[in-house]
Amino acid sequence: MIDCGEGTQTQVRRSKTSFSKLYAVFITHLHGDHVLGLIGMISTFGLQGRTAPLHVYAPEAYGKLFQMELDMFCSNLDFPVVFHPVDTSRQALIYEDRSITVETIPLHHRMPCAGYLFKEKPGARHINPEMMQFHNVPRSQVDNLRAGLDWVNEEGETIPNDVLTTPPDSLRAYAYCSDTSYLPRLGHLLKELTPDHRLTLYHESTYGEDMHAKAEKYLHSTAREAALTARDAEAEHLLLGHYSQRYDDETVLLREAQQVFPDSSLTSEGMTIKI
């Protein structure tokens, strides 16, 4: 989960996602609309009898207050809550498992703020069963073939791996950038970090160009600036969000973004995106 504002529990239930599947929360910054739902959600986990650890990644400044909240409202939990302080000033690897990595992306807002970049690790190669049968490769070699090894038959002939397998699925990456002023370097950084990945970028688009002055004042971005970032990152898709309430119809933001980056979309509550 990325950020946890008020109403998070309601939205999770509406999405029919199980709370038990949530094992990590990544907080971008300490404005209320990004963090005020966290302690209530943790309290609910305790009432539901959760036993699995929950990992919370958040700006370092939140650590002391978070512990006070846990002591006040969640002192009898039957599961550990592990706080990981995030240095929002630098790009760094903060999480890794067998399938993905998570890195911080320094952003520029009215308080310390970091985005997060989720990247898939290379997967196993796909077995070609017809070619395995043709070359009489035993099933015991499947794991070796998936790992990229060649096969040597009883006659000593080497059958190249790319004859017996097909390449793994293309790698995907998802970057979440909110809230931030426009950073001309950001798109280039994302491109450098995802040279082998198909990137989907979520970037805040609080304002249109008609309110560019407000974007600069409050350290937010316009839809056009989000599109510039996506273009420079060579992303496959741009997701726009975090709209100002001044806009009754956000299609004006979409049009401004699409003028720069055609593969732009508006996001809305409850939307599911296929990456």
C-alpha atoms as a PDB file:
ATOM      1  CA  MET A   1       0.000   0.000   0.000  1.00  0.00           C
ATOM      2  CA  ILE A   2       1.212   3.481  -0.857  1.00  0.00           C
ATOM      3  CA  ASP A   3      -0.003   6.177   1.560  1.00  0.00           C
ATOM      4  CA  CYS A   4      -2.877   5.706   3.985  1.00  0.00           C
ATOM      5  CA  GLY A   5      -5.196   8.691   4.309  1.00  0.00           C
ATOM      6  CA  GLU A   6      -8.605   8.865   5.958  1.00  0.00           C
ATOM      7  CA  GLY A   7     -11.088   6.453   4.419  1.00  0.00           C
ATOM      8  CA  THR A   8      -8.481   3.860   3.507  1.00  0.00           C
ATOM      9  CA  GLN A   9     -10.267   1.049   5.339  1.00  0.00           C
ATOM     10  CA  THR A  10     -13.509   1.816   3.529  1.00  0.00           C
ATOM     11  CA  GLN A  11     -11.779   1.796   0.152  1.00  0.00           C
ATOM     12  CA  VAL A  12     -10.000  -1.492   0.875  1.00  0.00           C
ATOM     13  CA  ARG A  13     -13.316  -3.124   1.752  1.00  0.00           C
ATOM     14  CA  ARG A  14     -14.964  -1.726  -1.368  1.00  0.00           C
ATOM     15  CA  SER A  15     -12.171  -3.194  -3.465  1.00  0.00           C
ATOM     16  CA  LYS A  16     -12.773  -6.581  -1.789  1.00  0.00           C
ATOM     17  CA  THR A  17      -9.092  -6.832  -0.984  1.00  0.00           C
ATOM     18  CA  SER A  18      -8.204  -8.855   2.082  1.00  0.00           C
ATOM     19  CA  PHE A  19      -6.480  -6.920   4.875  1.00  0.00           C
ATOM     20  CA  SER A  20      -4.409 -10.026   5.543  1.00  0.00           C
ATOM     21  CA  LYS A  21      -2.628  -9.612   2.206  1.00  0.00           C
ATOM     22  CA  LEU A  22      -1.192  -6.260   3.260  1.00  0.00           C
ATOM     23  CA  TYR A  23       2.335  -6.607   4.617  1.00  0.00           C
ATOM     24  CA  ALA A  24       3.916  -3.200   3.920  1.00  0.00           C
ATOM     25  CA  VAL A  25       2.807   0.433   3.803  1.00  0.00           C
ATOM     26  CA  PHE A  26       4.923   3.109   2.102  1.00  0.00           C
ATOM     27  CA  ILE A  27       4.212   6.678   3.262  1.00  0.00           C
ATOM     28  CA  THR A  28       5.385   9.478   0.983  1.00  0.00           C
ATOM     29  CA  HIS A  29       5.117  12.404   3.422  1.00  0.00           C
ATOM     30  CA  LEU A  30       3.400  13.555   6.591  1.00  0.00           C
ATOM     31  CA  HIS A  31       0.458  15.584   5.317  1.00  0.00           C
ATOM     32  CA  GLY A  32      -2.774  14.267   6.787  1.00  0.00           C
ATOM     33  CA  ASP A  33      -4.339  13.121   3.527  1.00  0.00           C
ATOM     34  CA  HIS A  34      -1.467  10.677   3.149  1.00  0.00           C
ATOM     35  CA  VAL A  35      -1.076   9.259   6.656  1.00  0.00           C
ATOM     36  CA  LEU A  36      -4.049   9.882   8.985  1.00  0.00           C
ATOM     37  CA  GLY A  37      -5.696   6.548   8.220  1.00  0.00           C
ATOM     38  CA  LEU A  38      -2.721   4.438   9.224  1.00  0.00           C
ATOM     39  CA  ILE A  39      -3.162   4.112  12.970  1.00  0.00           C
ATOM     40  CA  GLY A  40      -6.868   3.327  12.620  1.00  0.00           C
ATOM     41  CA  MET A  41      -6.105   0.600  10.096  1.00  0.00           C
ATOM     42  CA  ILE A  42      -3.479  -0.920  12.399  1.00  0.00           C
ATOM     43  CA  SER A  43      -6.014  -0.871  15.248  1.00  0.00           C
ATOM     44  CA  THR A  44      -8.474  -2.754  13.045  1.00  0.00           C
ATOM     45  CA  PHE A  45      -5.800  -5.342  12.248  1.00  0.00           C
ATOM     46  CA  GLY A  46      -5.425  -5.908  15.975  1.00  0.00           C
ATOM     47  CA  LEU A  47      -9.179  -6.418  16.438  1.00  0.00           C
ATOM     48  CA  GLN A  48      -9.176  -8.949  13.582  1.00  0.00           C
ATOM     49  CA  GLY A  49      -6.534 -11.083  15.280  1.00  0.00           C
ATOM     50  CA  ARG A  50      -3.688 -10.427  12.883  1.00  0.00           C
ATOM     51  CA  THR A  51      -0.409 -12.174  13.733  1.00  0.00           C
ATOM     52  CA  ALA A  52       1.753 -11.418  10.679  1.00  0.00           C
ATOM     53  CA  PRO A  53       4.179  -8.475  10.923  1.00  0.00           C
ATOM     54  CA  LEU A  54       3.307  -5.152   9.281  1.00  0.00           C
ATOM     55  CA  HIS A  55       6.160  -3.067   7.890  1.00  0.00           C
ATOM     56  CA  VAL A  56       5.787   0.704   7.685  1.00  0.00           C
ATOM     57  CA  TYR A  57       8.184   2.753   5.553  1.00  0.00           C
ATOM     58  CA  ALA A  58       7.867   6.480   6.216  1.00  0.00           C
ATOM     59  CA  PRO A  59       9.923   9.676   6.557  1.00  0.00           C
ATOM     60  CA  GLU A  60      12.200   9.469   9.557  1.00  0.00           C
ATOM     61  CA  ALA A  61      10.434  12.368  11.311  1.00  0.00           C
ATOM     62  CA  TYR A  62       7.302  10.251  11.700  1.00  0.00           C
ATOM     63  CA  GLY A  63       9.019   7.651  13.875  1.00  0.00           C
ATOM     64  CA  LYS A  64       8.538   9.319  17.251  1.00  0.00           C
ATOM     65  CA  LEU A  65       4.895  10.304  16.658  1.00  0.00           C
ATOM     66  CA  PHE A  66       4.095   6.894  15.212  1.00  0.00           C
ATOM     67  CA  GLN A  67       5.416   5.170  18.307  1.00  0.00           C
ATOM     68  CA  MET A  68       3.309   7.491  20.486  1.00  0.00           C
ATOM     69  CA  GLU A  69       0.224   6.570  18.446  1.00  0.00           C
ATOM     70  CA  LEU A  70       0.978   2.873  18.811  1.00  0.00           C
ATOM     71  CA  ASP A  71       1.471   3.250  22.568  1.00  0.00           C
ATOM     72  CA  MET A  72      -1.771   5.218  22.920  1.00  0.00           C
ATOM     73  CA  PHE A  73      -4.129   3.344  20.622  1.00  0.00           C
ATOM     74  CA  CYS A  74      -2.538  -0.025  19.822  1.00  0.00           C
ATOM     75  CA  SER A  75      -0.654  -1.100  22.929  1.00  0.00           C
ATOM     76  CA  ASN A  76      -1.910  -4.710  22.943  1.00  0.00           C
ATOM     77  CA  LEU A  77      -1.293  -5.842  19.388  1.00  0.00           C
ATOM     78  CA  ASP A  78      -0.590  -9.522  18.786  1.00  0.00           C
ATOM     79  CA  PHE A  79       1.600  -8.742  15.786  1.00  0.00           C
ATOM     80  CA  PRO A  80       4.777  -6.678  15.379  1.00  0.00           C
ATOM     81  CA  VAL A  81       4.720  -3.323  13.602  1.00  0.00           C
ATOM     82  CA  VAL A  82       8.162  -2.620  12.181  1.00  0.00           C
ATOM     83  CA  PHE A  83       8.972   1.016  11.392  1.00  0.00           C
ATOM     84  CA  HIS A  84      11.555   1.712   8.686  1.00  0.00           C
ATOM     85  CA  PRO A  85      12.755   5.350   8.584  1.00  0.00           C
ATOM     86  CA  VAL A  86      13.080   6.709   5.060  1.00  0.00           C
ATOM     87  CA  ASP A  87      15.649   9.318   4.086  1.00  0.00           C
ATOM     88  CA  THR A  88      13.626  11.407   1.638  1.00  0.00           C
ATOM     89  CA  SER A  89      16.688  13.324   0.450  1.00  0.00           C
ATOM     90  CA  ARG A  90      18.304  10.491  -1.483  1.00  0.00           C
ATOM     91  CA  GLN A  91      17.509   7.724  -3.945  1.00  0.00           C
ATOM     92  CA  ALA A  92      18.028   4.371  -2.253  1.00  0.00           C
ATOM     93  CA  LEU A  93      16.951   0.735  -2.237  1.00  0.00           C
ATOM     94  CA  ILE A  94      14.757   0.203   0.846  1.00  0.00           C
ATOM     95  CA  TYR A  95      13.014  -3.111   0.191  1.00  0.00           C
ATOM     96  CA  GLU A  96      13.770  -6.318  -1.673  1.00  0.00           C
ATOM     97  CA  ASP A  97      12.310  -9.794  -1.921  1.00  0.00           C
ATOM     98  CA  ARG A  98      12.475 -12.609  -4.477  1.00  0.00           C
ATOM     99  CA  SER A  99      10.304 -10.812  -7.029  1.00  0.00           C
ATOM    100  CA  ILE A 100      10.576  -7.026  -6.593  1.00  0.00           C
ATOM    101  CA  THR A 101      12.663  -4.152  -5.309  1.00  0.00           C
ATOM    102  CA  VAL A 102      11.445  -0.819  -3.948  1.00  0.00           C
ATOM    103  CA  GLU A 103      13.518   2.353  -4.195  1.00  0.00           C
ATOM    104  CA  THR A 104      12.935   5.868  -2.930  1.00  0.00           C
ATOM    105  CA  ILE A 105      12.630   8.811  -5.315  1.00  0.00           C
ATOM    106  CA  PRO A 106      13.485  12.206  -3.760  1.00  0.00           C
ATOM    107  CA  LEU A 107      10.709  14.743  -4.409  1.00  0.00           C
ATOM    108  CA  HIS A 108      10.283  18.452  -3.605  1.00  0.00           C
ATOM    109  CA  HIS A 109       7.296  19.473  -1.517  1.00  0.00           C
ATOM    110  CA  ARG A 110       6.507  21.684   1.466  1.00  0.00           C
ATOM    111  CA  MET A 111       7.876  19.004   3.781  1.00  0.00           C
ATOM    112  CA  PRO A 112      10.227  16.058   3.258  1.00  0.00           C
ATOM    113  CA  CYS A 113       8.679  13.813   0.631  1.00  0.00           C
ATOM    114  CA  ALA A 114       9.697  10.728  -1.316  1.00  0.00           C
ATOM    115  CA  GLY A 115       8.123   8.803  -4.138  1.00  0.00           C
ATOM    116  CA  TYR A 116       8.566   5.073  -4.565  1.00  0.00           C
ATOM    117  CA  LEU A 117       9.710   2.978  -7.514  1.00  0.00           C
ATOM    118  CA  PHE A 118       8.611  -0.671  -7.648  1.00  0.00           C
ATOM    119  CA  LYS A 119      10.589  -2.855 -10.048  1.00  0.00           C
ATOM    120  CA  GLU A 120      10.181  -6.499 -10.984  1.00  0.00           C
ATOM    121  CA  LYS A 121      13.189  -8.764 -10.906  1.00  0.00           C
ATOM    122  CA  PRO A 122      13.895 -10.909 -13.978  1.00  0.00           C
ATOM    123  CA  GLY A 123      11.735 -14.006 -14.016  1.00  0.00           C
ATOM    124  CA  ALA A 124      12.478 -17.536 -15.150  1.00  0.00           C
ATOM    125  CA  ARG A 125      12.538 -18.513 -18.801  1.00  0.00           C
ATOM    126  CA  HIS A 126       9.499 -20.340 -20.197  1.00  0.00           C
ATOM    127  CA  ILE A 127       9.785 -24.005 -21.107  1.00  0.00           C
ATOM    128  CA  ASN A 128       9.025 -25.050 -24.699  1.00  0.00           C
ATOM    129  CA  PRO A 129       7.464 -28.498 -24.120  1.00  0.00           C
ATOM    130  CA  GLU A 130       7.493 -29.469 -27.806  1.00  0.00           C
ATOM    131  CA  MET A 131      11.235 -28.859 -28.111  1.00  0.00           C
ATOM    132  CA  MET A 132      11.896 -30.659 -24.829  1.00  0.00           C
ATOM    133  CA  GLN A 133      10.070 -33.699 -26.192  1.00  0.00           C
ATOM    134  CA  PHE A 134      11.831 -33.469 -29.543  1.00  0.00           C
ATOM    135  CA  HIS A 135      15.276 -33.488 -27.886  1.00  0.00           C
ATOM    136  CA  ASN A 136      14.281 -36.060 -25.230  1.00  0.00           C
ATOM    137  CA  VAL A 137      15.082 -33.732 -22.342  1.00  0.00           C
ATOM    138  CA  PRO A 138      14.016 -35.279 -19.007  1.00  0.00           C
ATOM    139  CA  ARG A 139      11.612 -33.368 -16.754  1.00  0.00           C
ATOM    140  CA  SER A 140      14.310 -33.302 -14.088  1.00  0.00           C
ATOM    141  CA  GLN A 141      16.057 -30.581 -16.129  1.00  0.00           C
ATOM    142  CA  VAL A 142      13.166 -28.105 -16.068  1.00  0.00           C
ATOM    143  CA  ASP A 143      14.558 -25.980 -13.234  1.00  0.00           C
ATOM    144  CA  ASN A 144      17.988 -25.817 -14.901  1.00  0.00           C
ATOM    145  CA  LEU A 145      16.437 -24.755 -18.185  1.00  0.00           C
ATOM    146  CA  ARG A 146      14.328 -22.073 -16.510  1.00  0.00           C
ATOM    147  CA  ALA A 147      17.525 -20.774 -14.936  1.00  0.00           C
ATOM    148  CA  GLY A 148      19.097 -20.401 -18.394  1.00  0.00           C
ATOM    149  CA  LEU A 149      21.348 -23.472 -18.556  1.00  0.00           C
ATOM    150  CA  ASP A 150      21.945 -25.459 -21.748  1.00  0.00           C
ATOM    151  CA  TRP A 151      21.242 -29.196 -22.018  1.00  0.00           C
ATOM    152  CA  VAL A 152      23.860 -31.811 -22.928  1.00  0.00           C
ATOM    153  CA  ASN A 153      22.359 -35.083 -24.194  1.00  0.00           C
ATOM    154  CA  GLU A 154      23.765 -38.597 -23.880  1.00  0.00           C
ATOM    155  CA  GLU A 155      25.720 -38.210 -27.144  1.00  0.00           C
ATOM    156  CA  GLY A 156      27.493 -35.142 -25.739  1.00  0.00           C
ATOM    157  CA  GLU A 157      25.622 -32.726 -27.990  1.00  0.00           C
ATOM    158  CA  THR A 158      24.813 -29.369 -26.412  1.00  0.00           C
ATOM    159  CA  ILE A 159      21.278 -28.124 -27.027  1.00  0.00           C
ATOM    160  CA  PRO A 160      21.242 -24.339 -26.470  1.00  0.00           C
ATOM    161  CA  ASN A 161      18.869 -23.047 -23.852  1.00  0.00           C
ATOM    162  CA  ASP A 162      17.136 -20.685 -26.288  1.00  0.00           C
ATOM    163  CA  VAL A 163      16.085 -23.731 -28.359  1.00  0.00           C
ATOM    164  CA  LEU A 164      14.361 -25.329 -25.364  1.00  0.00           C
ATOM    165  CA  THR A 165      12.922 -22.204 -23.773  1.00  0.00           C
ATOM    166  CA  THR A 166      11.486 -18.803 -24.614  1.00  0.00           C
ATOM    167  CA  PRO A 167      12.449 -15.510 -22.912  1.00  0.00           C
ATOM    168  CA  PRO A 168      10.890 -14.554 -19.571  1.00  0.00           C
ATOM    169  CA  ASP A 169       8.081 -12.035 -19.419  1.00  0.00           C
ATOM    170  CA  SER A 170       9.104  -8.433 -19.992  1.00  0.00           C
ATOM    171  CA  LEU A 171       9.908  -6.569 -16.794  1.00  0.00           C
ATOM    172  CA  ARG A 172       7.501  -4.011 -15.359  1.00  0.00           C
ATOM    173  CA  ALA A 173       8.044  -1.004 -13.107  1.00  0.00           C
ATOM    174  CA  TYR A 174       5.676   1.360 -11.322  1.00  0.00           C
ATOM    175  CA  ALA A 175       6.730   4.794 -10.080  1.00  0.00           C
ATOM    176  CA  TYR A 176       4.541   6.747  -7.652  1.00  0.00           C
ATOM    177  CA  CYS A 177       5.349  10.466  -7.466  1.00  0.00           C
ATOM    178  CA  SER A 178       3.149  12.555  -5.202  1.00  0.00           C
ATOM    179  CA  ASP A 179       3.255  15.326  -3.940  1.00  0.00           C
ATOM    180  CA  THR A 180       5.940  17.366  -5.655  1.00  0.00           C
ATOM    181  CA  SER A 181       6.768  20.453  -7.604  1.00  0.00           C
ATOM    182  CA  TYR A 182       7.984  19.869 -11.134  1.00  0.00           C
ATOM    183  CA  LEU A 183      11.513  18.442 -11.168  1.00  0.00           C
ATOM    184  CA  PRO A 184      13.082  18.566 -14.654  1.00  0.00           C
ATOM    185  CA  ARG A 185      15.620  15.924 -13.595  1.00  0.00           C
ATOM    186  CA  LEU A 186      13.014  13.439 -12.332  1.00  0.00           C
ATOM    187  CA  GLY A 187      12.081  11.934 -15.694  1.00  0.00           C
ATOM    188  CA  HIS A 188      15.714  11.347 -16.603  1.00  0.00           C
ATOM    189  CA  LEU A 189      16.335   9.693 -13.208  1.00  0.00           C
ATOM    190  CA  LEU A 190      13.416   7.317 -13.727  1.00  0.00           C
ATOM    191  CA  LYS A 191      14.722   6.441 -17.176  1.00  0.00           C
ATOM    192  CA  GLU A 192      18.156   5.662 -15.712  1.00  0.00           C
ATOM    193  CA  LEU A 193      16.616   3.464 -13.004  1.00  0.00           C
ATOM    194  CA  THR A 194      14.416   1.441 -15.383  1.00  0.00           C
ATOM    195  CA  PRO A 195      16.522   0.731 -18.506  1.00  0.00           C
ATOM    196  CA  ASP A 196      15.080  -2.787 -18.910  1.00  0.00           C
ATOM    197  CA  HIS A 197      11.580  -2.166 -17.583  1.00  0.00           C
ATOM    198  CA  ARG A 198       8.250  -1.048 -19.010  1.00  0.00           C
ATOM    199  CA  LEU A 199       7.411   1.906 -16.780  1.00  0.00           C
ATOM    200  CA  THR A 200       3.997   3.018 -15.607  1.00  0.00           C
ATOM    201  CA  LEU A 201       4.200   6.416 -13.909  1.00  0.00           C
ATOM    202  CA  TYR A 202       1.738   7.916 -11.450  1.00  0.00           C
ATOM    203  CA  HIS A 203       2.477  11.624 -11.110  1.00  0.00           C
ATOM    204  CA  GLU A 204       0.457  14.227  -9.298  1.00  0.00           C
ATOM    205  CA  SER A 205      -1.309  16.766 -11.502  1.00  0.00           C
ATOM    206  CA  THR A 206      -2.918  19.099  -9.019  1.00  0.00           C
ATOM    207  CA  TYR A 207      -3.331  22.040 -11.393  1.00  0.00           C
ATOM    208  CA  GLY A 208      -3.691  22.993 -15.017  1.00  0.00           C
ATOM    209  CA  GLU A 209      -1.598  25.624 -16.721  1.00  0.00           C
ATOM    210  CA  ASP A 210      -4.230  28.211 -15.789  1.00  0.00           C
ATOM    211  CA  MET A 211      -3.052  27.849 -12.185  1.00  0.00           C
ATOM    212  CA  HIS A 212       0.656  27.437 -12.819  1.00  0.00           C
ATOM    213  CA  ALA A 213       1.448  30.165 -10.287  1.00  0.00           C
ATOM    214  CA  LYS A 214      -0.364  28.225  -7.557  1.00  0.00           C
ATOM    215  CA  ALA A 215       1.536  25.079  -8.492  1.00  0.00           C
ATOM    216  CA  GLU A 216       4.810  26.914  -7.985  1.00  0.00           C
ATOM    217  CA  LYS A 217       3.607  28.532  -4.745  1.00  0.00           C
ATOM    218  CA  TYR A 218       2.386  25.341  -3.111  1.00  0.00           C
ATOM    219  CA  LEU A 219       5.044  23.064  -4.621  1.00  0.00           C
ATOM    220  CA  HIS A 220       2.711  20.979  -6.730  1.00  0.00           C
ATOM    221  CA  SER A 221       2.785  20.075 -10.432  1.00  0.00           C
ATOM    222  CA  THR A 222       0.570  20.809 -13.396  1.00  0.00           C
ATOM    223  CA  ALA A 223      -0.737  18.083 -15.677  1.00  0.00           C
ATOM    224  CA  ARG A 224       1.563  19.316 -18.424  1.00  0.00           C
ATOM    225  CA  GLU A 225       4.584  19.053 -16.113  1.00  0.00           C
ATOM    226  CA  ALA A 226       3.585  15.506 -15.171  1.00  0.00           C
ATOM    227  CA  ALA A 227       3.479  14.713 -18.892  1.00  0.00           C
ATOM    228  CA  LEU A 228       6.935  16.204 -19.394  1.00  0.00           C
ATOM    229  CA  THR A 229       8.234  13.893 -16.680  1.00  0.00           C
ATOM    230  CA  ALA A 230       6.596  10.861 -18.323  1.00  0.00           C
ATOM    231  CA  ARG A 231       8.035  11.843 -21.698  1.00  0.00           C
ATOM    232  CA  ASP A 232      11.558  12.218 -20.332  1.00  0.00           C
ATOM    233  CA  ALA A 233      11.236   8.912 -18.435  1.00  0.00           C
ATOM    234  CA  GLU A 234      10.140   7.189 -21.656  1.00  0.00           C
ATOM    235  CA  ALA A 235       7.246   5.725 -19.700  1.00  0.00           C
ATOM    236  CA  GLU A 236       4.634   3.539 -21.346  1.00  0.00           C
ATOM    237  CA  HIS A 237       1.729   5.119 -19.500  1.00  0.00           C
ATOM    238  CA  LEU A 238       1.077   8.168 -17.327  1.00  0.00           C
ATOM    239  CA  LEU A 239      -1.551   8.150 -14.586  1.00  0.00           C
ATOM    240  CA  LEU A 240      -2.731  11.565 -13.414  1.00  0.00           C
ATOM    241  CA  GLY A 241      -4.122  12.227  -9.937  1.00  0.00           C
ATOM    242  CA  HIS A 242      -4.272  14.460  -6.832  1.00  0.00           C
ATOM    243  CA  TYR A 243      -6.507  17.018  -8.544  1.00  0.00           C
ATOM    244  CA  SER A 244      -7.338  20.377  -7.028  1.00  0.00           C
ATOM    245  CA  GLN A 245     -10.980  20.695  -5.964  1.00  0.00           C
ATOM    246  CA  ARG A 246     -11.116  23.821  -8.113  1.00  0.00           C
ATOM    247  CA  TYR A 247     -11.690  21.567 -11.120  1.00  0.00           C
ATOM    248  CA  ASP A 248     -15.222  20.206 -11.469  1.00  0.00           C
ATOM    249  CA  ASP A 249     -14.146  18.455 -14.670  1.00  0.00           C
ATOM    250  CA  GLU A 250     -10.615  17.059 -14.766  1.00  0.00           C
ATOM    251  CA  THR A 251     -10.663  16.432 -18.522  1.00  0.00           C
ATOM    252  CA  VAL A 252      -8.998  19.831 -18.950  1.00  0.00           C
ATOM    253  CA  LEU A 253      -5.997  18.342 -17.117  1.00  0.00           C
ATOM    254  CA  LEU A 254      -6.087  15.246 -19.286  1.00  0.00           C
ATOM    255  CA  ARG A 255      -6.077  17.290 -22.490  1.00  0.00           C
ATOM    256  CA  GLU A 256      -3.099  19.352 -21.330  1.00  0.00           C
ATOM    257  CA  ALA A 257      -1.160  16.192 -20.461  1.00  0.00           C
ATOM    258  CA  GLN A 258      -2.019  14.412 -23.716  1.00  0.00           C
ATOM    259  CA  GLN A 259      -0.702  17.322 -25.755  1.00  0.00           C
ATOM    260  CA  VAL A 260       2.754  16.382 -24.417  1.00  0.00           C
ATOM    261  CA  PHE A 261       2.331  12.678 -23.650  1.00  0.00           C
ATOM    262  CA  PRO A 262      -0.569  11.000 -25.472  1.00  0.00           C
ATOM    263  CA  ASP A 263      -0.593   7.870 -23.288  1.00  0.00           C
ATOM    264  CA  SER A 264      -2.012   9.744 -20.302  1.00  0.00           C
ATOM    265  CA  SER A 265      -5.067   8.772 -18.248  1.00  0.00           C
ATOM    266  CA  LEU A 266      -7.068  10.248 -15.403  1.00  0.00           C
ATOM    267  CA  THR A 267      -7.313   8.154 -12.246  1.00  0.00           C
ATOM    268  CA  SER A 268     -10.358   7.925  -9.990  1.00  0.00           C
ATOM    269  CA  GLU A 269     -11.299   6.218  -6.732  1.00  0.00           C
ATOM    270  CA  GLY A 270     -11.691   2.480  -7.057  1.00  0.00           C
ATOM    271  CA  MET A 271     -10.019   2.288 -10.439  1.00  0.00           C
ATOM    272  CA  THR A 272      -7.987  -0.803 -11.274  1.00  0.00           C
ATOM    273  CA  ILE A 273      -5.010  -0.336 -13.617  1.00  0.00           C
ATOM    274  CA  LYS A 274      -3.425  -3.210 -15.514  1.00  0.00           C
ATOM    275  CA  ILE A 275       0.338  -2.651 -15.714  1.00  0.00           C
END
